[in-house]
C-alpha atoms as a PDB file:
ATOM      1  CA  MET A   1     -11.454  11.774  11.758  1.00  0.00           C
ATOM      2  CA  ARG A   2     -10.699  13.062   8.273  1.00  0.00           C
ATOM      3  CA  THR A   3     -13.344  14.542   6.051  1.00  0.00           C
ATOM      4  CA  ILE A   4     -13.745  13.279   2.488  1.00  0.00           C
ATOM      5  CA  GLU A   5     -12.237  16.558   1.299  1.00  0.00           C
ATOM      6  CA  GLU A   6      -9.138  16.041   3.463  1.00  0.00           C
ATOM      7  CA  THR A   7      -8.774  12.449   2.279  1.00  0.00           C
ATOM      8  CA  THR A   8      -9.103  13.549  -1.344  1.00  0.00           C
ATOM      9  CA  GLU A   9      -6.525  16.296  -0.880  1.00  0.00           C
ATOM     10  CA  GLU A  10      -4.065  13.873   0.720  1.00  0.00           C
ATOM     11  CA  ILE A  11      -4.513  11.451  -2.177  1.00  0.00           C
ATOM     12  CA  LEU A  12      -3.954  14.201  -4.746  1.00  0.00           C
ATOM     13  CA  THR A  13      -0.868  15.447  -2.923  1.00  0.00           C
ATOM     14  CA  LEU A  14       0.634  11.966  -2.589  1.00  0.00           C
ATOM     15  CA  ALA A  15      -0.088  11.146  -6.234  1.00  0.00           C
ATOM     16  CA  SER A  16       1.442  14.400  -7.452  1.00  0.00           C
ATOM     17  CA  ARG A  17       4.621  13.787  -5.443  1.00  0.00           C
ATOM     18  CA  HIS A  18       4.916  10.114  -6.394  1.00  0.00           C
ATOM     19  CA  PHE A  19       4.482  10.746 -10.120  1.00  0.00           C
ATOM     20  CA  ASN A  20       6.185  14.151 -10.191  1.00  0.00           C
ATOM     21  CA  VAL A  21       3.142  16.055 -11.443  1.00  0.00           C
ATOM     22  CA  ALA A  22       2.303  19.561 -10.225  1.00  0.00           C
ATOM     23  CA  ARG A  23      -0.473  19.357  -7.618  1.00  0.00           C
ATOM     24  CA  ASN A  24      -2.483  22.095  -9.354  1.00  0.00           C
ATOM     25  CA  GLU A  25      -2.608  19.980 -12.544  1.00  0.00           C
ATOM     26  CA  ILE A  26      -4.765  17.239 -11.008  1.00  0.00           C
ATOM     27  CA  SER A  27      -8.211  17.354  -9.433  1.00  0.00           C
ATOM     28  CA  ALA A  28     -10.628  14.975  -7.727  1.00  0.00           C
ATOM     29  CA  GLY A  29     -12.631  14.112 -10.844  1.00  0.00           C
ATOM     30  CA  ASP A  30      -9.604  13.341 -13.003  1.00  0.00           C
ATOM     31  CA  ASP A  31      -8.940   9.889 -14.401  1.00  0.00           C
ATOM     32  CA  PHE A  32      -5.613   9.091 -12.791  1.00  0.00           C
ATOM     33  CA  PHE A  33      -4.494   6.805 -15.625  1.00  0.00           C
ATOM     34  CA  LYS A  34      -4.866   9.610 -18.160  1.00  0.00           C
ATOM     35  CA  LYS A  35      -3.868  12.560 -15.996  1.00  0.00           C
ATOM     36  CA  LEU A  36      -0.769  10.931 -14.531  1.00  0.00           C
ATOM     37  CA  GLY A  37       0.066   8.959 -17.670  1.00  0.00           C
ATOM     38  CA  ILE A  38       0.366   5.713 -15.729  1.00  0.00           C
ATOM     39  CA  ASN A  39      -0.299   2.050 -16.440  1.00  0.00           C
ATOM     40  CA  SER A  40      -2.007  -0.547 -14.267  1.00  0.00           C
ATOM     41  CA  LEU A  41       1.225  -1.560 -12.514  1.00  0.00           C
ATOM     42  CA  GLN A  42       1.912   2.044 -11.561  1.00  0.00           C
ATOM     43  CA  ALA A  43      -1.685   2.371 -10.365  1.00  0.00           C
ATOM     44  CA  LEU A  44      -1.075  -0.609  -8.067  1.00  0.00           C
ATOM     45  CA  GLU A  45       2.029   1.137  -6.718  1.00  0.00           C
ATOM     46  CA  LEU A  46      -0.085   4.203  -5.990  1.00  0.00           C
ATOM     47  CA  LEU A  47      -2.755   2.095  -4.336  1.00  0.00           C
ATOM     48  CA  THR A  48      -0.170   0.379  -2.125  1.00  0.00           C
ATOM     49  CA  ARG A  49       1.314   3.723  -1.159  1.00  0.00           C
ATOM     50  CA  LEU A  50      -2.166   5.040  -0.280  1.00  0.00           C
ATOM     51  CA  GLU A  51      -3.044   1.944   1.744  1.00  0.00           C
ATOM     52  CA  ASN A  52       0.169   2.376   3.745  1.00  0.00           C
ATOM     53  CA  HIS A  53      -0.393   6.109   4.202  1.00  0.00           C
ATOM     54  CA  PHE A  54      -3.955   5.744   5.439  1.00  0.00           C
ATOM     55  CA  GLY A  55      -3.437   2.438   7.266  1.00  0.00           C
ATOM     56  CA  VAL A  56      -6.204   0.660   5.372  1.00  0.00           C
ATOM     57  CA  GLU A  57      -6.516  -2.336   3.107  1.00  0.00           C
ATOM     58  CA  LEU A  58      -8.665  -2.058   0.015  1.00  0.00           C
ATOM     59  CA  PRO A  59      -9.912  -5.367  -1.390  1.00  0.00           C
ATOM     60  CA  ASP A  60      -9.517  -5.777  -5.135  1.00  0.00           C
ATOM     61  CA  TYR A  61     -13.292  -5.859  -5.656  1.00  0.00           C
ATOM     62  CA  GLU A  62     -13.572  -2.361  -4.137  1.00  0.00           C
ATOM     63  CA  VAL A  63     -11.049  -0.746  -6.443  1.00  0.00           C
ATOM     64  CA  GLN A  64     -11.653  -2.710  -9.619  1.00  0.00           C
ATOM     65  CA  GLY A  65     -12.763  -0.280 -12.282  1.00  0.00           C
ATOM     66  CA  VAL A  66     -11.939   2.792 -10.183  1.00  0.00           C
ATOM     67  CA  SER A  67      -9.974   5.325 -12.204  1.00  0.00           C
ATOM     68  CA  ASP A  68     -10.728   8.711 -10.649  1.00  0.00           C
ATOM     69  CA  PHE A  69      -9.339  10.249  -7.494  1.00  0.00           C
ATOM     70  CA  GLN A  70     -12.745  11.080  -5.992  1.00  0.00           C
ATOM     71  CA  THR A  71     -14.013   7.500  -6.072  1.00  0.00           C
ATOM     72  CA  LEU A  72     -10.699   6.289  -4.715  1.00  0.00           C
ATOM     73  CA  ALA A  73     -11.029   8.790  -1.859  1.00  0.00           C
ATOM     74  CA  GLU A  74     -14.561   7.557  -1.130  1.00  0.00           C
ATOM     75  CA  ARG A  75     -13.384   3.938  -0.961  1.00  0.00           C
ATOM     76  CA  ILE A  76     -10.525   4.872   1.364  1.00  0.00           C
ATOM     77  CA  GLN A  77     -12.785   7.078   3.486  1.00  0.00           C
ATOM     78  CA  SER A  78     -15.187   4.184   4.007  1.00  0.00           C
ATOM     79  CA  ARG A  79     -12.332   2.184   5.551  1.00  0.00           C
ATOM     80  CA  LEU A  80     -11.088   4.862   7.958  1.00  0.00           C
END
């Protein structure tokens, strides 16, 4: 089973690759909308990619209002 730190690192790595941002430029507490310069549609793409990667499904009510990587990692971790 993954630790929360491993889950967070995987999310950061996937996000940096998907949006072509250097991994060392983003951290767990960052607002992914601001740090990645993405809109809500792109955030949904990221969420879909993460759901596929981790093999989980996140209901809308669990991710509504989430905008930082750490909280996203916690929601994913709770489903693993």
